[in-house]
C-alpha atoms as a PDB file:
ATOM      1  CA  MET A   1     -40.827   9.705  11.586  1.00  0.00           C
ATOM      2  CA  ARG A   2     -39.752  13.282  11.079  1.00  0.00           C
ATOM      3  CA  LYS A   3     -40.369  12.990   7.344  1.00  0.00           C
ATOM      4  CA  ASN A   4     -44.055  12.968   8.305  1.00  0.00           C
ATOM      5  CA  GLY A   5     -43.526  16.446   9.755  1.00  0.00           C
ATOM      6  CA  MET A   6     -42.197  17.509   6.372  1.00  0.00           C
ATOM      7  CA  LEU A   7     -45.194  16.017   4.596  1.00  0.00           C
ATOM      8  CA  LYS A   8     -47.493  17.847   6.990  1.00  0.00           C
ATOM      9  CA  TYR A   9     -45.625  21.077   6.296  1.00  0.00           C
ATOM     10  CA  ILE A  10     -45.941  20.878   2.497  1.00  0.00           C
ATOM     11  CA  ASN A  11     -49.619  19.990   2.846  1.00  0.00           C
ATOM     12  CA  GLU A  12     -50.214  23.195   4.791  1.00  0.00           C
ATOM     13  CA  HIS A  13     -48.011  25.704   2.946  1.00  0.00           C
ATOM     14  CA  ASP A  14     -47.663  27.162  -0.515  1.00  0.00           C
ATOM     15  CA  LYS A  15     -45.328  25.189  -2.761  1.00  0.00           C
ATOM     16  CA  ASP A  16     -43.155  28.295  -3.283  1.00  0.00           C
ATOM     17  CA  ASP A  17     -42.520  28.573   0.458  1.00  0.00           C
ATOM     18  CA  THR A  18     -38.784  28.389   1.227  1.00  0.00           C
ATOM     19  CA  TYR A  19     -39.021  25.264   3.362  1.00  0.00           C
ATOM     20  CA  CYS A  20     -41.354  23.638   0.835  1.00  0.00           C
ATOM     21  CA  ARG A  21     -38.692  24.010  -1.857  1.00  0.00           C
ATOM     22  CA  ILE A  22     -36.151  22.260   0.352  1.00  0.00           C
ATOM     23  CA  ILE A  23     -38.584  19.480   1.258  1.00  0.00           C
ATOM     24  CA  ASP A  24     -39.535  19.015  -2.383  1.00  0.00           C
ATOM     25  CA  TYR A  25     -35.909  18.497  -3.378  1.00  0.00           C
ATOM     26  CA  LEU A  26     -35.109  16.121  -0.503  1.00  0.00           C
ATOM     27  CA  LEU A  27     -38.151  13.896  -0.999  1.00  0.00           C
ATOM     28  CA  ARG A  28     -37.768  13.734  -4.771  1.00  0.00           C
ATOM     29  CA  ASN A  29     -34.055  12.924  -4.682  1.00  0.00           C
ATOM     30  CA  ARG A  30     -33.683  10.363  -1.922  1.00  0.00           C
ATOM     31  CA  GLN A  31     -31.132   8.360  -3.947  1.00  0.00           C
ATOM     32  CA  VAL A  32     -28.557  11.164  -3.874  1.00  0.00           C
ATOM     33  CA  ILE A  33     -29.227  13.103  -0.682  1.00  0.00           C
ATOM     34  CA  THR A  34     -26.385  11.404   1.235  1.00  0.00           C
ATOM     35  CA  ASN A  35     -23.979  13.163  -1.147  1.00  0.00           C
ATOM     36  CA  LEU A  36     -25.313  16.600  -0.253  1.00  0.00           C
ATOM     37  CA  SER A  37     -23.580  19.259   1.800  1.00  0.00           C
ATOM     38  CA  VAL A  38     -25.238  22.271   3.402  1.00  0.00           C
ATOM     39  CA  SER A  39     -23.915  24.552   0.712  1.00  0.00           C
ATOM     40  CA  LYS A  40     -24.893  22.228  -2.143  1.00  0.00           C
ATOM     41  CA  LEU A  41     -28.480  21.840  -0.916  1.00  0.00           C
ATOM     42  CA  ALA A  42     -28.672  25.590  -0.456  1.00  0.00           C
ATOM     43  CA  GLU A  43     -27.485  26.111  -4.027  1.00  0.00           C
ATOM     44  CA  LEU A  44     -29.951  23.579  -5.448  1.00  0.00           C
ATOM     45  CA  THR A  45     -32.929  25.090  -3.622  1.00  0.00           C
ATOM     46  CA  PHE A  46     -31.954  28.772  -4.024  1.00  0.00           C
ATOM     47  CA  VAL A  47     -31.621  29.497  -0.304  1.00  0.00           C
ATOM     48  CA  SER A  48     -28.739  30.440   1.975  1.00  0.00           C
ATOM     49  CA  PRO A  49     -26.682  27.833   3.902  1.00  0.00           C
ATOM     50  CA  SER A  50     -27.960  29.329   7.161  1.00  0.00           C
ATOM     51  CA  THR A  51     -31.543  28.675   5.983  1.00  0.00           C
ATOM     52  CA  VAL A  52     -30.687  25.008   5.399  1.00  0.00           C
ATOM     53  CA  THR A  53     -29.240  24.779   8.903  1.00  0.00           C
ATOM     54  CA  ARG A  54     -32.364  26.372  10.408  1.00  0.00           C
ATOM     55  CA  PHE A  55     -34.495  24.013   8.318  1.00  0.00           C
ATOM     56  CA  SER A  56     -32.766  20.976   9.818  1.00  0.00           C
ATOM     57  CA  LYS A  57     -33.371  22.162  13.347  1.00  0.00           C
ATOM     58  CA  HIS A  58     -36.954  23.203  12.577  1.00  0.00           C
ATOM     59  CA  PHE A  59     -37.808  19.566  11.867  1.00  0.00           C
ATOM     60  CA  GLY A  60     -36.148  18.272  15.027  1.00  0.00           C
ATOM     61  CA  TYR A  61     -32.699  17.260  13.802  1.00  0.00           C
ATOM     62  CA  ARG A  62     -29.628  18.149  15.821  1.00  0.00           C
ATOM     63  CA  SER A  63     -27.561  18.723  12.703  1.00  0.00           C
ATOM     64  CA  PHE A  64     -27.698  18.742   8.920  1.00  0.00           C
ATOM     65  CA  GLN A  65     -25.844  15.419   8.746  1.00  0.00           C
ATOM     66  CA  GLU A  66     -28.292  13.773  11.147  1.00  0.00           C
ATOM     67  CA  MET A  67     -31.154  14.946   8.934  1.00  0.00           C
ATOM     68  CA  ILE A  68     -29.563  13.603   5.758  1.00  0.00           C
ATOM     69  CA  TYR A  69     -28.781  10.151   7.112  1.00  0.00           C
ATOM     70  CA  SER A  70     -32.089   9.868   8.947  1.00  0.00           C
ATOM     71  CA  LEU A  71     -34.061  10.812   5.832  1.00  0.00           C
ATOM     72  CA  SER A  72     -32.032   8.448   3.675  1.00  0.00           C
ATOM     73  CA  ASP A  73     -32.938   5.610   6.017  1.00  0.00           C
ATOM     74  CA  GLU A  74     -36.614   6.582   6.320  1.00  0.00           C
ATOM     75  CA  LEU A  75     -37.055   7.013   2.582  1.00  0.00           C
ATOM     76  CA  THR A  76     -35.466   3.702   1.591  1.00  0.00           C
ATOM     77  CA  PRO A  77     -38.397   1.402   0.823  1.00  0.00           C
ATOM     78  CA  SER A  78     -38.544  -2.153   2.069  1.00  0.00           C
ATOM     79  CA  ALA A  79     -40.890  -4.205  -0.092  1.00  0.00           C
ATOM     80  CA  ASN A  80     -41.630  -6.628   2.711  1.00  0.00           C
ATOM     81  CA  PHE A  81     -42.619  -3.911   5.174  1.00  0.00           C
ATOM     82  CA  THR A  82     -43.751  -0.940   3.106  1.00  0.00           C
ATOM     83  CA  TYR A  83     -45.854  -2.921   0.659  1.00  0.00           C
ATOM     84  CA  ARG A  84     -46.134  -6.134   2.702  1.00  0.00           C
ATOM     85  CA  LEU A  85     -44.846  -8.155  -0.243  1.00  0.00           C
ATOM     86  CA  SER A  86     -42.579 -11.186  -0.233  1.00  0.00           C
ATOM     87  CA  LYS A  87     -40.400 -12.236  -3.154  1.00  0.00           C
ATOM     88  CA  SER A  88     -43.027 -14.782  -4.211  1.00  0.00           C
ATOM     89  CA  ASP A  89     -45.641 -12.001  -4.121  1.00  0.00           C
ATOM     90  CA  PHE A  90     -43.498  -9.941  -6.465  1.00  0.00           C
ATOM     91  CA  ASP A  91     -43.098 -12.913  -8.783  1.00  0.00           C
ATOM     92  CA  VAL A  92     -46.873 -13.406  -8.988  1.00  0.00           C
ATOM     93  CA  LEU A  93     -47.394  -9.666  -9.465  1.00  0.00           C
ATOM     94  CA  LYS A  94     -44.945  -9.696 -12.360  1.00  0.00           C
ATOM     95  CA  GLU A  95     -46.191 -12.864 -14.086  1.00  0.00           C
ATOM     96  CA  ASN A  96     -49.904 -12.704 -13.342  1.00  0.00           C
ATOM     97  CA  PRO A  97     -51.236  -9.402 -11.941  1.00  0.00           C
ATOM     98  CA  LYS A  98     -54.827 -10.660 -12.043  1.00  0.00           C
ATOM     99  CA  LYS A  99     -53.879 -13.650  -9.902  1.00  0.00           C
ATOM    100  CA  PHE A 100     -52.146 -11.330  -7.463  1.00  0.00           C
ATOM    101  CA  LEU A 101     -55.333  -9.244  -7.174  1.00  0.00           C
ATOM    102  CA  GLU A 102     -57.345 -12.384  -6.492  1.00  0.00           C
ATOM    103  CA  ILE A 103     -54.953 -13.576  -3.783  1.00  0.00           C
ATOM    104  CA  TYR A 104     -54.730 -10.169  -2.175  1.00  0.00           C
ATOM    105  CA  GLY A 105     -58.479  -9.641  -2.327  1.00  0.00           C
ATOM    106  CA  ASN A 106     -59.097 -12.981  -0.633  1.00  0.00           C
ATOM    107  CA  GLU A 107     -56.646 -12.054   2.117  1.00  0.00           C
ATOM    108  CA  VAL A 108     -58.590  -8.840   2.751  1.00  0.00           C
ATOM    109  CA  ILE A 109     -61.892 -10.760   2.760  1.00  0.00           C
ATOM    110  CA  ASP A 110     -60.434 -13.306   5.205  1.00  0.00           C
ATOM    111  CA  ALA A 111     -59.250 -10.468   7.455  1.00  0.00           C
ATOM    112  CA  ILE A 112     -62.737  -8.929   7.581  1.00  0.00           C
ATOM    113  CA  LYS A 113     -64.362 -12.307   8.221  1.00  0.00           C
ATOM    114  CA  ASP A 114     -61.891 -12.961  11.023  1.00  0.00           C
ATOM    115  CA  SER A 115     -62.747  -9.597  12.591  1.00  0.00           C
ATOM    116  CA  ILE A 116     -66.478 -10.330  12.405  1.00  0.00           C
ATOM    117  CA  GLU A 117     -65.824 -13.496  14.384  1.00  0.00           C
ATOM    118  CA  ASN A 118     -63.534 -11.847  16.943  1.00  0.00           C
ATOM    119  CA  ILE A 119     -65.053  -8.418  17.586  1.00  0.00           C
ATOM    120  CA  SER A 120     -66.904  -8.322  20.890  1.00  0.00           C
ATOM    121  CA  ILE A 121     -70.026  -6.166  20.646  1.00  0.00           C
ATOM    122  CA  ASN A 122     -70.003  -5.753  24.414  1.00  0.00           C
ATOM    123  CA  GLU A 123     -66.385  -4.562  24.450  1.00  0.00           C
ATOM    124  CA  ALA A 124     -67.151  -2.121  21.646  1.00  0.00           C
ATOM    125  CA  ASP A 125     -70.175  -0.751  23.506  1.00  0.00           C
ATOM    126  CA  ILE A 126     -68.134  -0.277  26.685  1.00  0.00           C
ATOM    127  CA  LEU A 127     -65.575   1.721  24.689  1.00  0.00           C
ATOM    128  CA  LEU A 128     -68.311   3.855  23.120  1.00  0.00           C
ATOM    129  CA  GLN A 129     -69.767   4.571  26.544  1.00  0.00           C
ATOM    130  CA  LYS A 130     -66.327   5.716  27.678  1.00  0.00           C
ATOM    131  CA  ILE A 131     -66.128   8.017  24.662  1.00  0.00           C
ATOM    132  CA  TYR A 132     -69.640   9.381  25.219  1.00  0.00           C
ATOM    133  CA  SER A 133     -68.938  10.113  28.884  1.00  0.00           C
ATOM    134  CA  ASN A 134     -65.550  11.783  28.461  1.00  0.00           C
ATOM    135  CA  ASN A 135     -64.748  15.239  27.105  1.00  0.00           C
ATOM    136  CA  GLN A 136     -60.963  14.893  27.172  1.00  0.00           C
ATOM    137  CA  ILE A 137     -60.301  12.276  24.501  1.00  0.00           C
ATOM    138  CA  TYR A 138     -56.991  11.975  22.635  1.00  0.00           C
ATOM    139  CA  LEU A 139     -56.228   9.634  19.759  1.00  0.00           C
ATOM    140  CA  TYR A 140     -52.774   8.185  19.106  1.00  0.00           C
ATOM    141  CA  GLY A 141     -51.241   6.100  16.360  1.00  0.00           C
ATOM    142  CA  TYR A 142     -48.198   5.476  14.229  1.00  0.00           C
ATOM    143  CA  SER A 143     -47.765   5.457  10.453  1.00  0.00           C
ATOM    144  CA  SER A 144     -50.904   4.320   8.590  1.00  0.00           C
ATOM    145  CA  ALA A 145     -52.835   3.881  11.847  1.00  0.00           C
ATOM    146  CA  VAL A 146     -52.839   7.697  12.125  1.00  0.00           C
ATOM    147  CA  ASP A 147     -54.928   7.799   8.937  1.00  0.00           C
ATOM    148  CA  VAL A 148     -57.436   5.435  10.547  1.00  0.00           C
ATOM    149  CA  ALA A 149     -57.512   7.658  13.633  1.00  0.00           C
ATOM    150  CA  LYS A 150     -58.101  10.718  11.421  1.00  0.00           C
ATOM    151  CA  SER A 151     -61.119   9.033   9.868  1.00  0.00           C
ATOM    152  CA  PHE A 152     -62.435   8.230  13.339  1.00  0.00           C
ATOM    153  CA  GLN A 153     -61.872  11.826  14.466  1.00  0.00           C
ATOM    154  CA  SER A 154     -63.828  13.172  11.473  1.00  0.00           C
ATOM    155  CA  GLY A 155     -66.649  10.681  11.974  1.00  0.00           C
ATOM    156  CA  MET A 156     -66.974  11.480  15.654  1.00  0.00           C
ATOM    157  CA  LEU A 157     -67.078  15.204  14.905  1.00  0.00           C
ATOM    158  CA  LEU A 158     -70.069  14.590  12.624  1.00  0.00           C
ATOM    159  CA  ASN A 159     -71.634  12.835  15.610  1.00  0.00           C
ATOM    160  CA  GLY A 160     -71.075  15.926  17.751  1.00  0.00           C
ATOM    161  CA  LYS A 161     -68.080  14.516  19.606  1.00  0.00           C
ATOM    162  CA  LEU A 162     -64.766  16.375  19.515  1.00  0.00           C
ATOM    163  CA  VAL A 163     -61.638  14.261  19.981  1.00  0.00           C
ATOM    164  CA  TYR A 164     -58.020  15.313  19.545  1.00  0.00           C
ATOM    165  CA  LEU A 165     -55.345  13.747  17.342  1.00  0.00           C
ATOM    166  CA  GLY A 166     -51.692  14.638  16.879  1.00  0.00           C
ATOM    167  CA  ASN A 167     -50.573  14.254  13.267  1.00  0.00           C
ATOM    168  CA  ASP A 168     -46.966  13.519  14.168  1.00  0.00           C
ATOM    169  CA  GLU A 169     -44.897  12.291  17.090  1.00  0.00           C
ATOM    170  CA  GLU A 170     -44.087  15.784  18.343  1.00  0.00           C
ATOM    171  CA  GLN A 171     -47.738  16.840  18.460  1.00  0.00           C
ATOM    172  CA  GLN A 172     -48.808  13.540  20.012  1.00  0.00           C
ATOM    173  CA  GLU A 173     -46.185  13.951  22.716  1.00  0.00           C
ATOM    174  CA  ALA A 174     -47.442  17.459  23.447  1.00  0.00           C
ATOM    175  CA  PHE A 175     -51.015  16.175  23.740  1.00  0.00           C
ATOM    176  CA  ALA A 176     -49.846  13.365  26.030  1.00  0.00           C
ATOM    177  CA  ARG A 177     -48.192  15.876  28.346  1.00  0.00           C
ATOM    178  CA  SER A 178     -51.438  17.862  28.496  1.00  0.00           C
ATOM    179  CA  MET A 179     -53.537  14.902  29.677  1.00  0.00           C
ATOM    180  CA  ASN A 180     -54.455  14.039  33.256  1.00  0.00           C
ATOM    181  CA  GLU A 181     -56.214  11.262  35.133  1.00  0.00           C
ATOM    182  CA  LYS A 182     -59.590  12.386  33.757  1.00  0.00           C
ATOM    183  CA  SER A 183     -58.446  12.032  30.135  1.00  0.00           C
ATOM    184  CA  LEU A 184     -59.036   9.090  27.812  1.00  0.00           C
ATOM    185  CA  ALA A 185     -56.213   8.016  25.493  1.00  0.00           C
ATOM    186  CA  ILE A 186     -57.225   5.745  22.594  1.00  0.00           C
ATOM    187  CA  ILE A 187     -54.340   4.125  20.738  1.00  0.00           C
ATOM    188  CA  PHE A 188     -54.801   2.695  17.251  1.00  0.00           C
ATOM    189  CA  SER A 189     -52.004   0.210  16.549  1.00  0.00           C
ATOM    190  CA  SER A 190     -52.536  -2.609  14.091  1.00  0.00           C
ATOM    191  CA  PHE A 191     -49.421  -4.585  14.993  1.00  0.00           C
ATOM    192  CA  GLY A 192     -47.882  -2.786  17.974  1.00  0.00           C
ATOM    193  CA  GLY A 193     -45.585  -0.437  16.089  1.00  0.00           C
ATOM    194  CA  PHE A 194     -46.801   2.538  18.103  1.00  0.00           C
ATOM    195  CA  PHE A 195     -45.048   1.319  21.252  1.00  0.00           C
ATOM    196  CA  SER A 196     -41.654   0.828  19.626  1.00  0.00           C
ATOM    197  CA  GLN A 197     -41.705   3.787  17.240  1.00  0.00           C
ATOM    198  CA  ASN A 198     -43.497   6.328  19.465  1.00  0.00           C
ATOM    199  CA  ASN A 199     -42.059   5.172  22.763  1.00  0.00           C
ATOM    200  CA  ALA A 200     -41.548   8.722  24.050  1.00  0.00           C
ATOM    201  CA  VAL A 201     -45.248   9.431  23.458  1.00  0.00           C
ATOM    202  CA  TRP A 202     -46.232   6.234  25.245  1.00  0.00           C
ATOM    203  CA  LYS A 203     -44.122   7.155  28.276  1.00  0.00           C
ATOM    204  CA  GLU A 204     -45.842  10.545  28.487  1.00  0.00           C
ATOM    205  CA  ILE A 205     -49.258   8.875  28.240  1.00  0.00           C
ATOM    206  CA  LEU A 206     -48.386   6.607  31.163  1.00  0.00           C
ATOM    207  CA  LYS A 207     -47.064   9.525  33.225  1.00  0.00           C
ATOM    208  CA  SER A 208     -50.298  11.448  32.672  1.00  0.00           C
ATOM    209  CA  GLY A 209     -52.390   8.898  34.576  1.00  0.00           C
ATOM    210  CA  ALA A 210     -55.007   8.957  31.806  1.00  0.00           C
ATOM    211  CA  GLN A 211     -57.159   5.913  31.162  1.00  0.00           C
ATOM    212  CA  THR A 212     -55.761   4.017  28.188  1.00  0.00           C
ATOM    213  CA  VAL A 213     -57.484   2.044  25.440  1.00  0.00           C
ATOM    214  CA  LEU A 214     -55.712   0.014  22.768  1.00  0.00           C
ATOM    215  CA  ILE A 215     -57.418  -1.140  19.574  1.00  0.00           C
ATOM    216  CA  THR A 216     -55.222  -3.659  17.790  1.00  0.00           C
ATOM    217  CA  GLN A 217     -55.055  -6.535  15.327  1.00  0.00           C
ATOM    218  CA  SER A 218     -52.036  -8.011  17.103  1.00  0.00           C
ATOM    219  CA  THR A 219     -52.325 -11.017  19.379  1.00  0.00           C
ATOM    220  CA  ASN A 220     -49.043 -10.276  21.143  1.00  0.00           C
ATOM    221  CA  ILE A 221     -48.558  -6.722  22.403  1.00  0.00           C
ATOM    222  CA  ARG A 222     -45.674  -6.475  24.860  1.00  0.00           C
ATOM    223  CA  ASN A 223     -47.200  -3.479  26.607  1.00  0.00           C
ATOM    224  CA  SER A 224     -50.643  -5.031  27.004  1.00  0.00           C
ATOM    225  CA  THR A 225     -50.336  -5.305  30.802  1.00  0.00           C
ATOM    226  CA  GLU A 226     -49.974  -1.523  31.007  1.00  0.00           C
ATOM    227  CA  ILE A 227     -53.185  -0.907  29.041  1.00  0.00           C
ATOM    228  CA  ASP A 228     -56.410  -0.308  30.974  1.00  0.00           C
ATOM    229  CA  TYR A 229     -58.735  -1.525  28.237  1.00  0.00           C
ATOM    230  CA  LEU A 230     -57.555  -3.743  25.377  1.00  0.00           C
ATOM    231  CA  ILE A 231     -59.691  -4.501  22.325  1.00  0.00           C
ATOM    232  CA  ASN A 232     -58.257  -7.173  20.048  1.00  0.00           C
ATOM    233  CA  ILE A 233     -60.143  -7.407  16.768  1.00  0.00           C
ATOM    234  CA  ALA A 234     -58.295 -10.271  15.079  1.00  0.00           C
ATOM    235  CA  SER A 235     -57.202 -13.812  15.851  1.00  0.00           C
ATOM    236  CA  VAL A 236     -54.281 -13.721  13.415  1.00  0.00           C
ATOM    237  CA  ALA A 237     -51.627 -10.987  13.392  1.00  0.00           C
ATOM    238  CA  ASP A 238     -50.840 -11.101   9.685  1.00  0.00           C
ATOM    239  CA  ILE A 239     -49.087  -7.946   8.483  1.00  0.00           C
ATOM    240  CA  LYS A 240     -49.912  -8.817   4.859  1.00  0.00           C
ATOM    241  CA  ARG A 241     -53.574  -8.142   5.658  1.00  0.00           C
ATOM    242  CA  GLY A 242     -52.781  -4.506   6.367  1.00  0.00           C
ATOM    243  CA  ASN A 243     -55.092  -2.214   8.342  1.00  0.00           C
ATOM    244  CA  TYR A 244     -58.355  -3.482   6.887  1.00  0.00           C
ATOM    245  CA  SER A 245     -59.591  -4.987  10.140  1.00  0.00           C
ATOM    246  CA  LEU A 246     -58.798  -1.763  11.980  1.00  0.00           C
ATOM    247  CA  ILE A 247     -60.594   0.307   9.333  1.00  0.00           C
ATOM    248  CA  PHE A 248     -63.581  -2.055   9.406  1.00  0.00           C
ATOM    249  CA  PHE A 249     -63.874  -1.901  13.198  1.00  0.00           C
ATOM    250  CA  THR A 250     -63.461   1.873  13.295  1.00  0.00           C
ATOM    251  CA  GLU A 251     -66.290   2.340  10.806  1.00  0.00           C
ATOM    252  CA  TYR A 252     -68.439   0.004  12.885  1.00  0.00           C
ATOM    253  CA  LEU A 253     -67.709   2.069  16.005  1.00  0.00           C
ATOM    254  CA  MET A 254     -68.841   5.269  14.306  1.00  0.00           C
ATOM    255  CA  SER A 255     -72.075   3.687  13.088  1.00  0.00           C
ATOM    256  CA  ARG A 256     -72.808   2.106  16.461  1.00  0.00           C
ATOM    257  CA  TYR A 257     -72.171   5.415  18.242  1.00  0.00           C
ATOM    258  CA  VAL A 258     -74.888   7.064  16.139  1.00  0.00           C
ATOM    259  CA  GLN A 259     -77.323   4.282  17.003  1.00  0.00           C
ATOM    260  CA  LEU A 260     -76.534   4.394  20.736  1.00  0.00           C
ATOM    261  CA  PHE A 261     -76.173   8.120  21.330  1.00  0.00           C
ATOM    262  CA  GLY A 262     -77.422   9.966  18.254  1.00  0.00           C
ATOM    263  CA  SER A 263     -80.270  12.401  18.670  1.00  0.00           C
END
């Protein structure tokens, strides 16, 4: 998602930066952005029309119109996907928030219990040995799985192990092109979204000849036959359970790495 590139930009620049002003307006006014023209957006953000055009291309869009319609689609929330809520979930949340918390909490607990039953200690140790033995390690993910990968990257750095992570699709694709057969690519993908949403990255990973590892909660990954080392940490691929199993397993990996390889 190219909106993630915009989020990354505003996180790294002063809020009075020209591009930050444009991003701020677009992300705060998603309901009306399809009505915008180049000149109108320029007027609203106190920049020139040529700056708006350069802005569009800076974030990977071929045109202003492509940017507007793409952002409108990306920024339109779907309750079922974005928040993993069904209509009945919304009804419970409206009528009895405490009951909703109880149901949701139990789903998280069930997810962790399921992972405890399904995680293979031996498989985890083999992965950690691969990480310990390799100095060209790249992490990949999509959407919220990137946040899990970031946590893993930070934890491994504290353990004296540097691994690389691209924050967005463009950076991940660049990292994939830089890999070779000696590299190790670790993909975090709770339900397989990485392969459909970051397909260009995946193709570059395959072309690199790097050894591939997939950590997933899904029981049905279409690309599983192309993966060198697959670690499935759940018996049920329930999107309503979110990334909790992935987070739980990642934190276990960091703790186990200290025990196995820490000084």
